[in-house]
Amino acid sequence: MKEETFYLVREDVLPDAMRKTLEVKKLLDRKKAESVADAVQKVDLSRSAFYKYRDAVFPFYTMVKEQIITLFFHLEDRSGALSQLLQAVADSGSNVLSIHQSIPLQGRANVTLSISTSAMEENIHTLMNKLRKFDFIEKVEILGSGA
């Protein structure tokens, strides 16, 4: 997988679906909507469009100021998997603040990590691309971020 490239784009030239995705994320962050379904209805956006763009479009200020990011992983239940995951996160220069792992069911476990990115030596998307290359990681996504 090739490394992601980012662009700074003025809001007025973004497609409506991307602008509305940002509105949905704002409604959810500010607790002005009870669910994704509620938020997309308020801004007249399909859920599929929201899910398509939610990890791809961010307000510029969040990319600059955010220092705590929560990541969600769906892992195969395999000896050493969590250890390898944590080592890769540590190697990026980020600091693990919290870990929550579900009890493995049917050979799979959910893991949520909150990490501090203030000392990261790479950007979060580069780290996510590296993590996606592990064969025991079936899914990785950004759940949220905050300062």
N, C-alpha and C. Protein backbone atom coordinates (compact mmCIF):
# COMPACT_ATOMS: atom_id res chain seq x y z
N MET A 1 0.84 -1.17 0.00
CA MET A 1 0.00 0.00 0.00
C MET A 1 0.89 1.24 0.00
N LYS A 2 0.60 2.18 -0.88
CA LYS A 2 1.43 3.38 -0.95
C LYS A 2 1.08 4.35 0.18
N GLU A 3 2.05 5.17 0.53
CA GLU A 3 1.85 6.15 1.60
C GLU A 3 0.86 7.21 1.15
N GLU A 4 0.01 7.64 2.08
CA GLU A 4 -1.00 8.63 1.76
C GLU A 4 -0.39 10.00 1.58
N THR A 5 -0.97 10.78 0.69
CA THR A 5 -0.57 12.16 0.45
C THR A 5 -1.74 13.04 0.87
N PHE A 6 -1.45 14.17 1.51
CA PHE A 6 -2.49 15.07 1.97
C PHE A 6 -2.39 16.40 1.25
N TYR A 7 -3.55 17.05 1.09
CA TYR A 7 -3.64 18.34 0.43
C TYR A 7 -4.45 19.28 1.30
N LEU A 8 -4.13 20.52 1.27
CA LEU A 8 -4.91 21.54 1.94
C LEU A 8 -5.82 22.14 0.87
N VAL A 9 -7.14 22.00 1.06
CA VAL A 9 -8.11 22.43 0.06
C VAL A 9 -9.10 23.39 0.70
N ARG A 10 -9.41 24.48 0.01
CA ARG A 10 -10.38 25.44 0.50
C ARG A 10 -11.77 24.81 0.55
N GLU A 11 -12.53 25.10 1.59
CA GLU A 11 -13.83 24.47 1.81
C GLU A 11 -14.80 24.65 0.64
N ASP A 12 -14.82 25.80 0.02
CA ASP A 12 -15.82 26.06 -1.03
C ASP A 12 -15.61 25.22 -2.29
N VAL A 13 -14.48 24.54 -2.42
CA VAL A 13 -14.27 23.69 -3.59
C VAL A 13 -14.43 22.20 -3.27
N LEU A 14 -14.72 21.89 -2.02
CA LEU A 14 -14.96 20.49 -1.65
C LEU A 14 -16.32 20.03 -2.18
N PRO A 15 -16.42 18.78 -2.58
CA PRO A 15 -17.74 18.24 -2.96
C PRO A 15 -18.68 18.29 -1.76
N ASP A 16 -19.98 18.40 -2.03
CA ASP A 16 -20.99 18.48 -0.96
C ASP A 16 -20.88 17.32 0.02
N ALA A 17 -20.63 16.11 -0.46
CA ALA A 17 -20.56 14.95 0.43
C ALA A 17 -19.43 15.10 1.45
N MET A 18 -18.32 15.66 1.04
CA MET A 18 -17.21 15.87 1.98
C MET A 18 -17.54 16.96 2.99
N ARG A 19 -18.14 18.05 2.51
CA ARG A 19 -18.53 19.14 3.42
C ARG A 19 -19.55 18.64 4.44
N LYS A 20 -20.51 17.88 3.97
CA LYS A 20 -21.54 17.35 4.87
C LYS A 20 -20.95 16.33 5.84
N THR A 21 -19.97 15.56 5.40
CA THR A 21 -19.28 14.63 6.31
C THR A 21 -18.64 15.39 7.46
N LEU A 22 -18.03 16.52 7.16
CA LEU A 22 -17.44 17.35 8.22
C LEU A 22 -18.51 17.87 9.17
N GLU A 23 -19.67 18.24 8.62
CA GLU A 23 -20.78 18.69 9.47
C GLU A 23 -21.27 17.58 10.40
N VAL A 24 -21.37 16.36 9.86
CA VAL A 24 -21.79 15.22 10.67
C VAL A 24 -20.80 14.98 11.79
N LYS A 25 -19.51 15.01 11.47
CA LYS A 25 -18.49 14.80 12.50
C LYS A 25 -18.58 15.87 13.58
N LYS A 26 -18.86 17.11 13.18
CA LYS A 26 -18.99 18.19 14.15
C LYS A 26 -20.21 17.97 15.05
N LEU A 27 -21.33 17.57 14.47
CA LEU A 27 -22.54 17.29 15.26
C LEU A 27 -22.27 16.18 16.27
N LEU A 28 -21.59 15.14 15.84
CA LEU A 28 -21.29 14.02 16.74
C LEU A 28 -20.31 14.43 17.84
N ASP A 29 -19.26 15.18 17.48
CA ASP A 29 -18.27 15.63 18.46
C ASP A 29 -18.90 16.52 19.52
N ARG A 30 -19.84 17.37 19.09
CA ARG A 30 -20.47 18.32 20.02
C ARG A 30 -21.73 17.77 20.68
N LYS A 31 -22.01 16.48 20.43
CA LYS A 31 -23.17 15.80 21.02
C LYS A 31 -24.48 16.47 20.62
N LYS A 32 -24.53 17.02 19.40
CA LYS A 32 -25.74 17.65 18.87
C LYS A 32 -26.58 16.63 18.10
N ALA A 33 -26.06 15.40 18.00
CA ALA A 33 -26.80 14.31 17.38
C ALA A 33 -26.54 13.06 18.22
N GLU A 34 -27.57 12.23 18.32
CA GLU A 34 -27.47 11.04 19.18
C GLU A 34 -26.77 9.88 18.51
N SER A 35 -26.74 9.87 17.18
CA SER A 35 -26.14 8.76 16.46
C SER A 35 -25.71 9.23 15.07
N VAL A 36 -24.97 8.37 14.38
CA VAL A 36 -24.59 8.69 12.99
C VAL A 36 -25.86 8.83 12.15
N ALA A 37 -26.80 7.92 12.35
CA ALA A 37 -28.06 7.99 11.57
C ALA A 37 -28.76 9.33 11.79
N ASP A 38 -28.80 9.79 13.03
CA ASP A 38 -29.44 11.07 13.35
C ASP A 38 -28.68 12.22 12.69
N ALA A 39 -27.36 12.19 12.79
CA ALA A 39 -26.54 13.29 12.25
C ALA A 39 -26.62 13.37 10.74
N VAL A 40 -26.54 12.23 10.04
CA VAL A 40 -26.59 12.28 8.58
C VAL A 40 -27.97 12.75 8.10
N GLN A 41 -29.00 12.40 8.85
CA GLN A 41 -30.34 12.86 8.50
C GLN A 41 -30.42 14.38 8.63
N LYS A 42 -29.82 14.93 9.69
CA LYS A 42 -29.86 16.38 9.92
C LYS A 42 -29.18 17.16 8.80
N VAL A 43 -28.11 16.60 8.20
CA VAL A 43 -27.38 17.33 7.17
C VAL A 43 -27.70 16.83 5.75
N ASP A 44 -28.66 15.88 5.64
CA ASP A 44 -29.08 15.34 4.36
C ASP A 44 -27.91 14.68 3.62
N LEU A 45 -27.33 13.69 4.28
CA LEU A 45 -26.22 12.92 3.71
C LEU A 45 -26.51 11.45 3.93
N SER A 46 -26.15 10.62 2.98
CA SER A 46 -26.35 9.18 3.17
C SER A 46 -25.31 8.65 4.14
N ARG A 47 -25.67 7.59 4.87
CA ARG A 47 -24.72 6.96 5.79
C ARG A 47 -23.53 6.40 5.03
N SER A 48 -23.76 5.85 3.86
CA SER A 48 -22.65 5.28 3.09
C SER A 48 -21.65 6.36 2.68
N ALA A 49 -22.12 7.54 2.31
CA ALA A 49 -21.21 8.65 1.98
C ALA A 49 -20.42 9.07 3.21
N PHE A 50 -21.09 9.14 4.36
CA PHE A 50 -20.38 9.50 5.59
C PHE A 50 -19.27 8.49 5.88
N TYR A 51 -19.59 7.21 5.82
CA TYR A 51 -18.57 6.19 6.11
C TYR A 51 -17.46 6.17 5.07
N LYS A 52 -17.78 6.56 3.85
CA LYS A 52 -16.76 6.61 2.80
C LYS A 52 -15.72 7.70 3.10
N TYR A 53 -16.18 8.84 3.61
CA TYR A 53 -15.29 9.99 3.78
C TYR A 53 -14.83 10.26 5.21
N ARG A 54 -15.42 9.62 6.21
CA ARG A 54 -15.15 10.00 7.60
C ARG A 54 -13.67 9.91 7.99
N ASP A 55 -12.92 8.95 7.46
CA ASP A 55 -11.50 8.83 7.79
C ASP A 55 -10.61 9.51 6.77
N ALA A 56 -11.20 10.25 5.85
CA ALA A 56 -10.42 10.87 4.79
C ALA A 56 -10.47 12.40 4.79
N VAL A 57 -11.44 12.98 5.49
CA VAL A 57 -11.57 14.44 5.47
C VAL A 57 -11.62 14.96 6.91
N PHE A 58 -10.76 15.95 7.18
CA PHE A 58 -10.62 16.51 8.52
C PHE A 58 -10.49 18.02 8.42
N PRO A 59 -11.03 18.74 9.39
CA PRO A 59 -10.75 20.18 9.43
C PRO A 59 -9.25 20.39 9.64
N PHE A 60 -8.70 21.40 9.02
CA PHE A 60 -7.25 21.65 9.12
C PHE A 60 -6.78 21.76 10.56
N TYR A 61 -7.54 22.46 11.40
CA TYR A 61 -7.09 22.66 12.77
C TYR A 61 -6.93 21.35 13.53
N THR A 62 -7.73 20.33 13.21
CA THR A 62 -7.58 19.06 13.94
C THR A 62 -6.30 18.35 13.57
N MET A 63 -5.87 18.50 12.34
CA MET A 63 -4.65 17.84 11.92
C MET A 63 -3.43 18.52 12.55
N VAL A 64 -3.57 19.78 12.91
CA VAL A 64 -2.47 20.52 13.50
C VAL A 64 -2.42 20.37 15.02
N LYS A 65 -3.57 20.48 15.69
CA LYS A 65 -3.56 20.57 17.14
C LYS A 65 -3.76 19.26 17.90
N GLU A 66 -4.38 18.27 17.28
CA GLU A 66 -4.74 17.06 18.01
C GLU A 66 -3.50 16.31 18.48
N GLN A 67 -3.53 15.91 19.73
CA GLN A 67 -2.40 15.17 20.28
C GLN A 67 -2.80 13.85 20.92
N ILE A 68 -4.10 13.59 21.04
CA ILE A 68 -4.58 12.32 21.55
C ILE A 68 -5.54 11.74 20.53
N ILE A 69 -5.25 10.53 20.10
CA ILE A 69 -6.07 9.86 19.10
C ILE A 69 -6.47 8.49 19.63
N THR A 70 -7.72 8.13 19.40
CA THR A 70 -8.20 6.80 19.79
C THR A 70 -8.34 5.95 18.54
N LEU A 71 -7.68 4.80 18.55
CA LEU A 71 -7.70 3.88 17.41
C LEU A 71 -8.44 2.60 17.79
N PHE A 72 -9.16 2.06 16.84
CA PHE A 72 -9.88 0.80 17.04
C PHE A 72 -9.26 -0.26 16.13
N PHE A 73 -9.03 -1.44 16.68
CA PHE A 73 -8.46 -2.55 15.93
C PHE A 73 -9.33 -3.79 16.08
N HIS A 74 -9.42 -4.55 15.01
CA HIS A 74 -10.04 -5.88 15.05
C HIS A 74 -8.88 -6.83 14.74
N LEU A 75 -8.48 -7.62 15.75
CA LEU A 75 -7.29 -8.47 15.64
C LEU A 75 -7.64 -9.95 15.66
N GLU A 76 -6.81 -10.72 14.98
CA GLU A 76 -6.87 -12.17 15.17
C GLU A 76 -6.33 -12.46 16.56
N ASP A 77 -6.92 -13.43 17.24
CA ASP A 77 -6.44 -13.83 18.56
C ASP A 77 -5.25 -14.76 18.35
N ARG A 78 -4.07 -14.16 18.40
CA ARG A 78 -2.83 -14.88 18.12
C ARG A 78 -1.78 -14.46 19.14
N SER A 79 -1.01 -15.41 19.61
CA SER A 79 0.02 -15.12 20.60
C SER A 79 0.98 -14.05 20.08
N GLY A 80 1.18 -13.00 20.88
CA GLY A 80 2.12 -11.93 20.53
C GLY A 80 1.55 -10.83 19.66
N ALA A 81 0.30 -10.95 19.23
CA ALA A 81 -0.28 -9.95 18.33
C ALA A 81 -0.35 -8.58 19.00
N LEU A 82 -0.89 -8.53 20.21
CA LEU A 82 -1.01 -7.25 20.90
C LEU A 82 0.37 -6.66 21.18
N SER A 83 1.31 -7.51 21.54
CA SER A 83 2.67 -7.05 21.80
C SER A 83 3.29 -6.42 20.55
N GLN A 84 3.11 -7.05 19.38
CA GLN A 84 3.64 -6.49 18.13
C GLN A 84 2.96 -5.16 17.80
N LEU A 85 1.66 -5.11 18.01
CA LEU A 85 0.91 -3.88 17.77
C LEU A 85 1.45 -2.74 18.64
N LEU A 86 1.60 -3.01 19.92
CA LEU A 86 2.09 -1.99 20.85
C LEU A 86 3.52 -1.57 20.52
N GLN A 87 4.34 -2.52 20.07
CA GLN A 87 5.72 -2.19 19.70
C GLN A 87 5.74 -1.25 18.49
N ALA A 88 4.89 -1.52 17.51
CA ALA A 88 4.83 -0.66 16.33
C ALA A 88 4.37 0.75 16.70
N VAL A 89 3.40 0.83 17.61
CA VAL A 89 2.93 2.14 18.07
C VAL A 89 4.06 2.87 18.80
N ALA A 90 4.77 2.15 19.66
CA ALA A 90 5.90 2.76 20.39
C ALA A 90 7.01 3.20 19.43
N ASP A 91 7.27 2.38 18.42
CA ASP A 91 8.32 2.72 17.44
C ASP A 91 8.00 3.99 16.67
N SER A 92 6.73 4.34 16.56
CA SER A 92 6.33 5.56 15.85
C SER A 92 6.63 6.82 16.67
N GLY A 93 6.94 6.62 17.95
CA GLY A 93 7.19 7.76 18.84
C GLY A 93 5.97 8.17 19.62
N SER A 94 4.83 7.51 19.39
CA SER A 94 3.64 7.86 20.15
C SER A 94 3.64 7.09 21.47
N ASN A 95 2.82 7.57 22.38
CA ASN A 95 2.76 7.00 23.72
C ASN A 95 1.36 6.44 23.96
N VAL A 96 1.27 5.18 24.39
CA VAL A 96 -0.02 4.57 24.66
C VAL A 96 -0.53 5.09 26.01
N LEU A 97 -1.71 5.67 25.99
CA LEU A 97 -2.32 6.21 27.21
C LEU A 97 -3.30 5.23 27.84
N SER A 98 -4.03 4.49 27.00
CA SER A 98 -4.96 3.48 27.52
C SER A 98 -5.12 2.37 26.51
N ILE A 99 -5.44 1.18 27.04
CA ILE A 99 -5.67 -0.01 26.21
C ILE A 99 -6.94 -0.68 26.73
N HIS A 100 -7.81 -1.03 25.82
CA HIS A 100 -8.96 -1.84 26.18
C HIS A 100 -9.05 -2.97 25.17
N GLN A 101 -9.04 -4.21 25.67
CA GLN A 101 -9.16 -5.37 24.79
C GLN A 101 -10.35 -6.20 25.22
N SER A 102 -11.18 -6.57 24.25
CA SER A 102 -12.31 -7.45 24.55
C SER A 102 -11.81 -8.88 24.71
N ILE A 103 -12.62 -9.70 25.32
CA ILE A 103 -12.31 -11.12 25.40
C ILE A 103 -12.46 -11.68 23.99
N PRO A 104 -11.46 -12.42 23.50
CA PRO A 104 -11.55 -12.96 22.14
C PRO A 104 -12.74 -13.90 21.97
N LEU A 105 -13.49 -13.70 20.90
CA LEU A 105 -14.60 -14.56 20.54
C LEU A 105 -14.39 -15.02 19.11
N GLN A 106 -14.53 -16.29 18.89
CA GLN A 106 -14.36 -16.87 17.56
C GLN A 106 -13.03 -16.46 16.93
N GLY A 107 -11.98 -16.41 17.76
CA GLY A 107 -10.65 -16.13 17.24
C GLY A 107 -10.37 -14.68 16.92
N ARG A 108 -11.24 -13.77 17.37
CA ARG A 108 -11.06 -12.34 17.08
C ARG A 108 -11.22 -11.54 18.37
N ALA A 109 -10.49 -10.44 18.46
CA ALA A 109 -10.60 -9.54 19.61
C ALA A 109 -10.63 -8.10 19.12
N ASN A 110 -11.38 -7.26 19.83
CA ASN A 110 -11.38 -5.83 19.56
C ASN A 110 -10.45 -5.15 20.54
N VAL A 111 -9.63 -4.25 20.04
CA VAL A 111 -8.69 -3.50 20.88
C VAL A 111 -8.88 -2.03 20.58
N THR A 112 -8.99 -1.23 21.63
CA THR A 112 -9.06 0.22 21.50
C THR A 112 -7.85 0.81 22.20
N LEU A 113 -7.09 1.63 21.49
CA LEU A 113 -5.91 2.30 22.05
C LEU A 113 -6.11 3.80 21.99
N SER A 114 -5.83 4.47 23.08
CA SER A 114 -5.73 5.93 23.06
C SER A 114 -4.25 6.24 23.15
N ILE A 115 -3.79 7.03 22.18
CA ILE A 115 -2.36 7.33 22.12
C ILE A 115 -2.13 8.83 22.08
N SER A 116 -1.01 9.23 22.65
CA SER A 116 -0.57 10.62 22.55
C SER A 116 0.36 10.71 21.35
N THR A 117 0.06 11.64 20.45
CA THR A 117 0.85 11.78 19.23
C THR A 117 1.81 12.96 19.29
N SER A 118 1.93 13.60 20.45
CA SER A 118 2.73 14.82 20.53
C SER A 118 4.20 14.59 20.18
N ALA A 119 4.71 13.40 20.40
CA ALA A 119 6.13 13.13 20.09
C ALA A 119 6.29 12.20 18.89
N MET A 120 5.22 12.00 18.15
CA MET A 120 5.30 11.09 17.00
C MET A 120 6.29 11.58 15.98
N GLU A 121 7.02 10.64 15.41
CA GLU A 121 8.01 10.96 14.39
C GLU A 121 7.43 10.85 12.98
N GLU A 122 6.19 10.40 12.88
CA GLU A 122 5.50 10.28 11.59
C GLU A 122 4.06 10.70 11.81
N ASN A 123 3.31 10.87 10.73
CA ASN A 123 1.91 11.25 10.93
C ASN A 123 1.06 10.01 11.20
N ILE A 124 -0.13 10.22 11.70
CA ILE A 124 -1.00 9.12 12.12
C ILE A 124 -1.37 8.22 10.96
N HIS A 125 -1.53 8.77 9.78
CA HIS A 125 -1.93 7.95 8.63
C HIS A 125 -0.79 7.05 8.16
N THR A 126 0.45 7.51 8.31
CA THR A 126 1.60 6.65 8.00
C THR A 126 1.63 5.49 8.97
N LEU A 127 1.40 5.77 10.25
CA LEU A 127 1.34 4.70 11.25
C LEU A 127 0.22 3.72 10.92
N MET A 128 -0.95 4.22 10.60
CA MET A 128 -2.07 3.34 10.28
C MET A 128 -1.76 2.45 9.08
N ASN A 129 -1.11 3.00 8.07
CA ASN A 129 -0.73 2.19 6.90
C ASN A 129 0.25 1.09 7.29
N LYS A 130 1.19 1.39 8.18
CA LYS A 130 2.12 0.36 8.65
C LYS A 130 1.39 -0.72 9.42
N LEU A 131 0.45 -0.32 10.26
CA LEU A 131 -0.30 -1.28 11.06
C LEU A 131 -1.17 -2.18 10.19
N ARG A 132 -1.74 -1.62 9.13
CA ARG A 132 -2.59 -2.42 8.23
C ARG A 132 -1.82 -3.54 7.55
N LYS A 133 -0.51 -3.42 7.50
CA LYS A 133 0.32 -4.45 6.85
C LYS A 133 0.49 -5.69 7.72
N PHE A 134 0.23 -5.59 9.03
CA PHE A 134 0.31 -6.77 9.88
C PHE A 134 -0.82 -7.72 9.48
N ASP A 135 -0.49 -8.99 9.26
CA ASP A 135 -1.52 -9.93 8.82
C ASP A 135 -2.53 -10.28 9.90
N PHE A 136 -2.23 -9.99 11.16
CA PHE A 136 -3.18 -10.29 12.24
C PHE A 136 -4.15 -9.13 12.51
N ILE A 137 -3.91 -7.99 11.87
CA ILE A 137 -4.81 -6.85 12.02
C ILE A 137 -5.80 -6.86 10.86
N GLU A 138 -7.07 -7.10 11.19
CA GLU A 138 -8.09 -7.17 10.16
C GLU A 138 -8.71 -5.80 9.88
N LYS A 139 -8.65 -4.92 10.87
CA LYS A 139 -9.28 -3.61 10.70
C LYS A 139 -8.59 -2.63 11.65
N VAL A 140 -8.34 -1.43 11.17
CA VAL A 140 -7.86 -0.34 12.02
C VAL A 140 -8.54 0.93 11.55
N GLU A 141 -9.05 1.71 12.50
CA GLU A 141 -9.68 2.98 12.15
C GLU A 141 -9.54 3.96 13.31
N ILE A 142 -9.64 5.22 12.96
CA ILE A 142 -9.61 6.28 13.96
C ILE A 142 -11.01 6.43 14.52
N LEU A 143 -11.15 6.26 15.84
CA LEU A 143 -12.44 6.44 16.48
C LEU A 143 -12.67 7.89 16.87
N GLY A 144 -11.62 8.56 17.25
CA GLY A 144 -11.77 9.95 17.67
C GLY A 144 -10.42 10.56 18.01
N SER A 145 -10.47 11.84 18.23
CA SER A 145 -9.25 12.54 18.61
C SER A 145 -9.63 13.74 19.48
N GLY A 146 -8.71 14.14 20.30
CA GLY A 146 -8.94 15.28 21.19
C GLY A 146 -7.64 15.80 21.73
N ALA A 147 -7.64 17.02 22.16
CA ALA A 147 -6.40 17.63 22.67
C ALA A 147 -6.23 17.31 24.11
